[in-house]
């Protein structure tokens, strides 16, 4: 997995190039003209207290903090697609990840994909920050051959054992101890504020609301991805935070395991109702029409992952 980092991605977009891509996508000329007017000749200055800098006119990039900017960036990068079927490019706004499935030690397709991505960035005026770009290798072979470092424009990319991707710490062995420890540490920092509110004699309802918003939201971030394969000690560490918060708030709080099951059922329900979802076909009903067909799994890691777990929960709930 190659986690790409761009230097000021939103600021380097050329509006004229964006409009050409929107036109190719079939966006009406009136909307394209409106967007071009919105993105060009934008006055900008910096104010500190009562002092203002001189005003400059911006004709590149999309405004930071604008609701439309991430959407425009996604449209701008819509043509960044993998050329080989063994590779996948995942994009979430300006976070881009190249995933290569390497078989028989043949890394040619993966390395060529990275080279094509670098060339695509040059054509589209996006600057790769190679120093912050990281590579993570997941390899379970007992006698794994060493993987030579990958280079982008002659610079070697740093290889890491874990990486924080969209708020989740992914480790090279696909265990979640690092992720859980980070979540617990962050949640403990928020418990201080919960104790402070308790000392100021706020009601239990307010304390529970504060916990749900600022602590539970941390502990359950992307929980359907990682909780199923957590170790028993990791789960106990997460639940200890909940018990501590429960004692402080003086009111019952939902267990992490119950939240996980509820989220799995909710996520599975959305996938089942959406035929366009890539994983919609994994949820197929048996001829009886009452239960879903169980997924065949060969490893414990796969058996405890989201999709097999969601099928089991759906069948138990039916």
Foldseek 3Di string as FASTA:
>chain_A
DKKWDWDPQQQQFQLVLLLVLVVVVVDDPVVSVVVQVVQFQDWDWDDDVHDIDDIDGGRGGDDPPDPCSLVSQCSSCVPLAQPDPQWGWDDDRRTIDIDGDDDPNDCPSVLVSLQVVLVVCVVRRIGTPQAPIEDAAADDDPPDDDDDFHDDPRHGHHYDQWDQDPNAIAGSPRARPVRLVVLLVQLVVVVVVLLVVVVVPDALVVSLVSCVPRRVCSNCPVVLAHVLRYDPVSLVSSQVSQVVSCVSSVHDDDRPVVVNLVVLLVVLVVLCVDPPDPCNVLFDDDPVRQATDADDDDDSVVCSHRSNVSRVSSNVVD
